[in-house]
Amino acid sequence: MQAPTGAQTRAPLPVTAGGVACEVEYTFKFAPLINDPEITELVRIAAERQHGASRVREAARPNMGSEDFACFAQALLSSFFYLGIAPAENSPVAHHHPEFKIDEVLKDGIAVFCRTVAEFFGG
């Protein structure tokens, strides 16, 4: 894996907030993470078959966070998806949140991966 060629640094941008002035310089190091549409559909089908359609959600809007998985997605057919937990009030708990319990969702994620592989190979 390697960072995309042509990493760009934007010229310093003056920013003022809360009475503090500074300059922000940002370097674009990672390519955008773009899911392969066919693999993503395969993952969606596998997740719905494994866990039911009511437990599968499509993101309401693109996520602008930086993700090194983009390097894999440039080289291989890929689909990045999140695992989450939703308490009784049906409000998902995001990764890196103190209430996120990885042991509760790890088996679900493994099941989706296994089902996706089976679907990919026709089963």
N, C-alpha and C. Protein backbone atom coordinates (compact mmCIF):
# COMPACT_ATOMS: atom_id res chain seq x y z
N MET A 1 0.84 -1.18 0.00
CA MET A 1 0.00 0.00 0.00
C MET A 1 0.88 1.24 0.00
N GLN A 2 0.41 2.24 -0.69
CA GLN A 2 1.13 3.49 -0.67
C GLN A 2 0.14 4.64 -0.75
N ALA A 3 0.57 5.77 -0.27
CA ALA A 3 -0.27 6.96 -0.36
C ALA A 3 -0.40 7.33 -1.82
N PRO A 4 -1.53 7.91 -2.19
CA PRO A 4 -1.71 8.28 -3.59
C PRO A 4 -0.65 9.28 -4.04
N THR A 5 -0.30 9.21 -5.30
CA THR A 5 0.68 10.15 -5.81
C THR A 5 0.05 11.53 -5.90
N GLY A 6 0.88 12.54 -5.88
CA GLY A 6 0.38 13.89 -6.02
C GLY A 6 -0.28 14.44 -4.76
N ALA A 7 0.19 14.02 -3.57
CA ALA A 7 -0.37 14.60 -2.34
C ALA A 7 -0.22 16.11 -2.42
N GLN A 8 -1.27 16.80 -2.07
CA GLN A 8 -1.29 18.25 -2.23
C GLN A 8 -1.40 18.93 -0.87
N THR A 9 -0.67 20.03 -0.74
CA THR A 9 -0.79 20.86 0.45
C THR A 9 -1.40 22.18 0.03
N ARG A 10 -2.45 22.56 0.71
CA ARG A 10 -3.08 23.85 0.41
C ARG A 10 -2.31 24.96 1.10
N ALA A 11 -2.30 26.12 0.48
CA ALA A 11 -1.65 27.29 1.07
C ALA A 11 -2.30 27.60 2.40
N PRO A 12 -1.53 28.13 3.34
CA PRO A 12 -2.10 28.45 4.66
C PRO A 12 -3.36 29.31 4.52
N LEU A 13 -4.36 28.97 5.30
CA LEU A 13 -5.64 29.67 5.29
C LEU A 13 -5.80 30.39 6.62
N PRO A 14 -5.98 31.70 6.59
CA PRO A 14 -6.17 32.39 7.87
C PRO A 14 -7.54 32.06 8.46
N VAL A 15 -7.55 31.75 9.76
CA VAL A 15 -8.78 31.38 10.45
C VAL A 15 -8.85 32.17 11.75
N THR A 16 -10.04 32.70 12.03
CA THR A 16 -10.28 33.38 13.30
C THR A 16 -11.51 32.77 13.93
N ALA A 17 -11.39 32.34 15.18
CA ALA A 17 -12.52 31.76 15.91
C ALA A 17 -12.35 32.04 17.38
N GLY A 18 -13.39 32.49 18.02
CA GLY A 18 -13.34 32.74 19.46
C GLY A 18 -12.28 33.75 19.85
N GLY A 19 -11.99 34.70 18.98
CA GLY A 19 -11.01 35.72 19.29
C GLY A 19 -9.57 35.29 19.08
N VAL A 20 -9.34 34.09 18.56
CA VAL A 20 -8.00 33.58 18.33
C VAL A 20 -7.78 33.49 16.82
N ALA A 21 -6.68 33.99 16.36
CA ALA A 21 -6.35 33.94 14.94
C ALA A 21 -5.19 32.96 14.72
N CYS A 22 -5.25 32.22 13.64
CA CYS A 22 -4.17 31.30 13.29
C CYS A 22 -4.22 31.04 11.80
N GLU A 23 -3.25 30.30 11.32
CA GLU A 23 -3.26 29.85 9.93
C GLU A 23 -3.32 28.33 9.94
N VAL A 24 -4.15 27.78 9.08
CA VAL A 24 -4.31 26.33 8.98
C VAL A 24 -3.77 25.88 7.63
N GLU A 25 -2.91 24.88 7.68
CA GLU A 25 -2.38 24.29 6.46
C GLU A 25 -2.76 22.81 6.47
N TYR A 26 -3.34 22.33 5.39
CA TYR A 26 -3.81 20.95 5.34
C TYR A 26 -3.17 20.24 4.16
N THR A 27 -2.65 19.05 4.40
CA THR A 27 -2.07 18.24 3.35
C THR A 27 -3.00 17.07 3.07
N PHE A 28 -3.42 16.94 1.83
CA PHE A 28 -4.25 15.81 1.43
C PHE A 28 -3.34 14.62 1.17
N LYS A 29 -3.39 13.63 2.06
CA LYS A 29 -2.48 12.49 1.95
C LYS A 29 -3.17 11.24 1.43
N PHE A 30 -4.46 11.09 1.71
CA PHE A 30 -5.15 9.87 1.31
C PHE A 30 -6.15 10.15 0.21
N ALA A 31 -6.26 9.22 -0.68
CA ALA A 31 -7.28 9.31 -1.72
C ALA A 31 -8.65 9.15 -1.07
N PRO A 32 -9.69 9.59 -1.74
CA PRO A 32 -11.02 9.36 -1.18
C PRO A 32 -11.34 7.87 -1.17
N LEU A 33 -12.05 7.43 -0.16
CA LEU A 33 -12.46 6.03 -0.08
C LEU A 33 -13.76 5.89 -0.88
N ILE A 34 -13.67 5.17 -1.98
CA ILE A 34 -14.83 4.99 -2.86
C ILE A 34 -15.13 3.50 -2.93
N ASN A 35 -16.30 3.11 -2.45
CA ASN A 35 -16.70 1.71 -2.49
C ASN A 35 -17.04 1.29 -3.91
N ASP A 36 -16.69 0.05 -4.25
CA ASP A 36 -17.11 -0.53 -5.51
C ASP A 36 -18.61 -0.80 -5.42
N PRO A 37 -19.42 -0.27 -6.36
CA PRO A 37 -20.88 -0.43 -6.26
C PRO A 37 -21.36 -1.88 -6.24
N GLU A 38 -20.75 -2.74 -7.05
CA GLU A 38 -21.20 -4.14 -7.10
C GLU A 38 -20.84 -4.89 -5.81
N ILE A 39 -19.65 -4.67 -5.30
CA ILE A 39 -19.27 -5.32 -4.04
C ILE A 39 -20.11 -4.78 -2.89
N THR A 40 -20.38 -3.48 -2.91
CA THR A 40 -21.21 -2.88 -1.86
C THR A 40 -22.60 -3.48 -1.87
N GLU A 41 -23.17 -3.68 -3.05
CA GLU A 41 -24.49 -4.32 -3.14
C GLU A 41 -24.43 -5.75 -2.61
N LEU A 42 -23.34 -6.46 -2.90
CA LEU A 42 -23.17 -7.81 -2.38
C LEU A 42 -23.11 -7.81 -0.85
N VAL A 43 -22.38 -6.87 -0.28
CA VAL A 43 -22.30 -6.75 1.18
C VAL A 43 -23.68 -6.42 1.77
N ARG A 44 -24.42 -5.51 1.12
CA ARG A 44 -25.76 -5.16 1.61
C ARG A 44 -26.67 -6.38 1.61
N ILE A 45 -26.67 -7.13 0.53
CA ILE A 45 -27.50 -8.34 0.43
C ILE A 45 -27.10 -9.34 1.51
N ALA A 46 -25.79 -9.56 1.66
CA ALA A 46 -25.31 -10.51 2.67
C ALA A 46 -25.72 -10.07 4.07
N ALA A 47 -25.57 -8.77 4.37
CA ALA A 47 -25.93 -8.27 5.70
C ALA A 47 -27.43 -8.41 5.95
N GLU A 48 -28.24 -8.12 4.95
CA GLU A 48 -29.69 -8.26 5.12
C GLU A 48 -30.10 -9.71 5.30
N ARG A 49 -29.47 -10.61 4.57
CA ARG A 49 -29.79 -12.03 4.71
C ARG A 49 -29.33 -12.56 6.07
N GLN A 50 -28.21 -12.05 6.54
CA GLN A 50 -27.67 -12.51 7.82
C GLN A 50 -28.42 -11.94 9.01
N HIS A 51 -28.75 -10.65 8.95
CA HIS A 51 -29.28 -9.97 10.13
C HIS A 51 -30.66 -9.34 9.95
N GLY A 52 -31.20 -9.38 8.74
CA GLY A 52 -32.50 -8.77 8.48
C GLY A 52 -32.35 -7.34 7.97
N ALA A 53 -33.22 -6.95 7.06
CA ALA A 53 -33.13 -5.63 6.42
C ALA A 53 -33.27 -4.49 7.42
N SER A 54 -33.99 -4.71 8.50
CA SER A 54 -34.19 -3.63 9.48
C SER A 54 -32.90 -3.27 10.22
N ARG A 55 -31.90 -4.14 10.17
CA ARG A 55 -30.64 -3.86 10.85
C ARG A 55 -29.55 -3.32 9.93
N VAL A 56 -29.90 -3.10 8.67
CA VAL A 56 -28.93 -2.60 7.69
C VAL A 56 -29.36 -1.21 7.27
N ARG A 57 -28.44 -0.27 7.37
CA ARG A 57 -28.73 1.13 7.02
C ARG A 57 -27.66 1.65 6.07
N GLU A 58 -28.11 2.44 5.13
CA GLU A 58 -27.17 3.13 4.25
C GLU A 58 -26.90 4.51 4.85
N ALA A 59 -25.67 4.93 4.76
CA ALA A 59 -25.32 6.25 5.30
C ALA A 59 -26.15 7.33 4.62
N ALA A 60 -26.61 8.27 5.41
CA ALA A 60 -27.45 9.35 4.89
C ALA A 60 -26.65 10.28 3.96
N ARG A 61 -25.36 10.39 4.22
CA ARG A 61 -24.51 11.26 3.40
C ARG A 61 -23.09 10.72 3.45
N PRO A 62 -22.26 11.11 2.49
CA PRO A 62 -20.86 10.64 2.50
C PRO A 62 -20.14 11.09 3.76
N ASN A 63 -19.17 10.30 4.17
CA ASN A 63 -18.35 10.61 5.32
C ASN A 63 -17.04 11.21 4.83
N MET A 64 -16.70 12.38 5.32
CA MET A 64 -15.51 13.07 4.84
C MET A 64 -14.27 12.77 5.69
N GLY A 65 -14.35 11.81 6.59
CA GLY A 65 -13.19 11.46 7.40
C GLY A 65 -12.12 10.80 6.56
N SER A 66 -10.89 10.86 7.01
CA SER A 66 -9.78 10.22 6.31
C SER A 66 -9.72 8.76 6.74
N GLU A 67 -9.52 7.88 5.79
CA GLU A 67 -9.51 6.45 6.09
C GLU A 67 -8.45 5.77 5.23
N ASP A 68 -7.49 5.11 5.88
CA ASP A 68 -6.42 4.47 5.11
C ASP A 68 -6.90 3.25 4.33
N PHE A 69 -8.11 2.77 4.60
CA PHE A 69 -8.69 1.69 3.82
C PHE A 69 -8.79 2.10 2.34
N ALA A 70 -8.79 3.40 2.06
CA ALA A 70 -8.85 3.89 0.68
C ALA A 70 -7.70 3.33 -0.15
N CYS A 71 -6.55 3.09 0.47
CA CYS A 71 -5.41 2.52 -0.26
C CYS A 71 -5.74 1.11 -0.73
N PHE A 72 -6.42 0.31 0.10
CA PHE A 72 -6.86 -1.02 -0.31
C PHE A 72 -7.87 -0.91 -1.44
N ALA A 73 -8.83 0.02 -1.28
CA ALA A 73 -9.92 0.16 -2.25
C ALA A 73 -9.42 0.59 -3.62
N GLN A 74 -8.25 1.22 -3.67
CA GLN A 74 -7.68 1.58 -4.97
C GLN A 74 -7.13 0.35 -5.69
N ALA A 75 -6.73 -0.65 -4.94
CA ALA A 75 -6.08 -1.82 -5.52
C ALA A 75 -7.02 -3.02 -5.70
N LEU A 76 -8.06 -3.11 -4.88
CA LEU A 76 -8.94 -4.28 -4.88
C LEU A 76 -10.40 -3.86 -4.88
N LEU A 77 -11.26 -4.71 -5.40
CA LEU A 77 -12.69 -4.46 -5.28
C LEU A 77 -13.03 -4.47 -3.80
N SER A 78 -13.59 -3.39 -3.31
CA SER A 78 -13.76 -3.23 -1.87
C SER A 78 -15.08 -2.57 -1.52
N SER A 79 -15.47 -2.78 -0.29
CA SER A 79 -16.62 -2.07 0.28
C SER A 79 -16.36 -1.87 1.76
N PHE A 80 -16.28 -0.63 2.16
CA PHE A 80 -16.06 -0.26 3.56
C PHE A 80 -17.42 -0.08 4.20
N PHE A 81 -17.62 -0.74 5.34
CA PHE A 81 -18.89 -0.56 6.05
C PHE A 81 -18.63 -0.51 7.54
N TYR A 82 -19.57 0.10 8.23
CA TYR A 82 -19.47 0.24 9.68
C TYR A 82 -20.29 -0.83 10.37
N LEU A 83 -19.82 -1.21 11.53
CA LEU A 83 -20.60 -2.03 12.45
C LEU A 83 -21.03 -1.10 13.58
N GLY A 84 -22.23 -1.25 14.03
CA GLY A 84 -22.68 -0.38 15.10
C GLY A 84 -23.63 -1.11 16.03
N ILE A 85 -23.91 -0.46 17.13
CA ILE A 85 -24.91 -1.00 18.04
C ILE A 85 -25.98 0.05 18.21
N ALA A 86 -27.20 -0.38 18.36
CA ALA A 86 -28.31 0.54 18.56
C ALA A 86 -29.07 0.11 19.81
N PRO A 87 -29.00 0.91 20.86
CA PRO A 87 -29.76 0.60 22.06
C PRO A 87 -31.27 0.61 21.78
N ALA A 88 -32.04 0.33 22.77
CA ALA A 88 -33.50 0.22 22.63
C ALA A 88 -34.11 1.43 21.95
N GLU A 89 -33.58 2.62 22.21
CA GLU A 89 -34.15 3.82 21.60
C GLU A 89 -33.78 3.95 20.12
N ASN A 90 -33.04 2.94 19.59
CA ASN A 90 -32.70 2.86 18.17
C ASN A 90 -31.82 4.01 17.71
N SER A 91 -30.97 4.47 18.58
CA SER A 91 -30.00 5.51 18.24
C SER A 91 -28.63 4.86 18.16
N PRO A 92 -28.06 4.72 16.96
CA PRO A 92 -26.78 4.01 16.83
C PRO A 92 -25.66 4.64 17.65
N VAL A 93 -24.80 3.80 18.15
CA VAL A 93 -23.61 4.23 18.88
C VAL A 93 -22.43 4.07 17.92
N ALA A 94 -21.71 5.15 17.70
CA ALA A 94 -20.61 5.14 16.73
C ALA A 94 -19.34 4.54 17.32
N HIS A 95 -18.44 4.16 16.42
CA HIS A 95 -17.11 3.69 16.85
C HIS A 95 -16.42 4.77 17.66
N HIS A 96 -15.52 4.38 18.51
CA HIS A 96 -14.73 5.27 19.35
C HIS A 96 -15.58 5.98 20.41
N HIS A 97 -16.82 5.60 20.54
CA HIS A 97 -17.69 6.15 21.58
C HIS A 97 -17.57 5.25 22.80
N PRO A 98 -17.60 5.78 24.02
CA PRO A 98 -17.43 4.94 25.21
C PRO A 98 -18.49 3.85 25.36
N GLU A 99 -19.66 4.05 24.77
CA GLU A 99 -20.73 3.05 24.87
C GLU A 99 -20.63 1.96 23.81
N PHE A 100 -19.71 2.10 22.86
CA PHE A 100 -19.55 1.10 21.80
C PHE A 100 -18.93 -0.15 22.40
N LYS A 101 -19.59 -1.27 22.23
CA LYS A 101 -19.12 -2.55 22.79
C LYS A 101 -18.73 -3.47 21.64
N ILE A 102 -17.43 -3.54 21.37
CA ILE A 102 -16.95 -4.31 20.22
C ILE A 102 -17.34 -5.77 20.31
N ASP A 103 -17.34 -6.36 21.51
CA ASP A 103 -17.67 -7.77 21.62
C ASP A 103 -19.12 -8.05 21.23
N GLU A 104 -19.99 -7.04 21.30
CA GLU A 104 -21.38 -7.24 20.91
C GLU A 104 -21.55 -7.27 19.39
N VAL A 105 -20.67 -6.62 18.65
CA VAL A 105 -20.84 -6.54 17.21
C VAL A 105 -19.82 -7.34 16.41
N LEU A 106 -18.76 -7.79 17.05
CA LEU A 106 -17.72 -8.49 16.33
C LEU A 106 -18.26 -9.74 15.64
N LYS A 107 -19.06 -10.52 16.34
CA LYS A 107 -19.61 -11.74 15.72
C LYS A 107 -20.54 -11.40 14.56
N ASP A 108 -21.26 -10.28 14.66
CA ASP A 108 -22.12 -9.86 13.56
C ASP A 108 -21.30 -9.48 12.34
N GLY A 109 -20.19 -8.77 12.55
CA GLY A 109 -19.33 -8.39 11.44
C GLY A 109 -18.68 -9.59 10.78
N ILE A 110 -18.23 -10.55 11.57
CA ILE A 110 -17.64 -11.77 11.02
C ILE A 110 -18.68 -12.51 10.19
N ALA A 111 -19.90 -12.57 10.68
CA ALA A 111 -20.98 -13.25 9.95
C ALA A 111 -21.24 -12.57 8.60
N VAL A 112 -21.21 -11.23 8.58
CA VAL A 112 -21.42 -10.51 7.32
C VAL A 112 -20.28 -10.80 6.36
N PHE A 113 -19.04 -10.79 6.85
CA PHE A 113 -17.91 -11.10 5.98
C PHE A 113 -18.04 -12.52 5.39
N CYS A 114 -18.36 -13.49 6.23
CA CYS A 114 -18.49 -14.87 5.76
C CYS A 114 -19.63 -15.00 4.75
N ARG A 115 -20.75 -14.37 5.02
CA ARG A 115 -21.89 -14.42 4.11
C ARG A 115 -21.55 -13.72 2.79
N THR A 116 -20.81 -12.63 2.85
CA THR A 116 -20.40 -11.93 1.63
C THR A 116 -19.51 -12.81 0.76
N VAL A 117 -18.57 -13.50 1.38
CA VAL A 117 -17.70 -14.41 0.63
C VAL A 117 -18.54 -15.51 -0.02
N ALA A 118 -19.48 -16.08 0.71
CA ALA A 118 -20.35 -17.12 0.15
C ALA A 118 -21.16 -16.57 -1.03
N GLU A 119 -21.72 -15.37 -0.87
CA GLU A 119 -22.48 -14.75 -1.96
C GLU A 119 -21.58 -14.47 -3.17
N PHE A 120 -20.36 -14.02 -2.92
CA PHE A 120 -19.42 -13.73 -4.00
C PHE A 120 -19.15 -14.97 -4.83
N PHE A 121 -19.02 -16.13 -4.16
CA PHE A 121 -18.72 -17.37 -4.87
C PHE A 121 -19.97 -18.14 -5.25
N GLY A 122 -21.13 -17.46 -5.20
CA GLY A 122 -22.35 -18.05 -5.73
C GLY A 122 -23.17 -18.85 -4.76
N GLY A 123 -22.93 -18.70 -3.47
CA GLY A 123 -23.65 -19.55 -2.56
C GLY A 123 -24.50 -18.84 -1.60
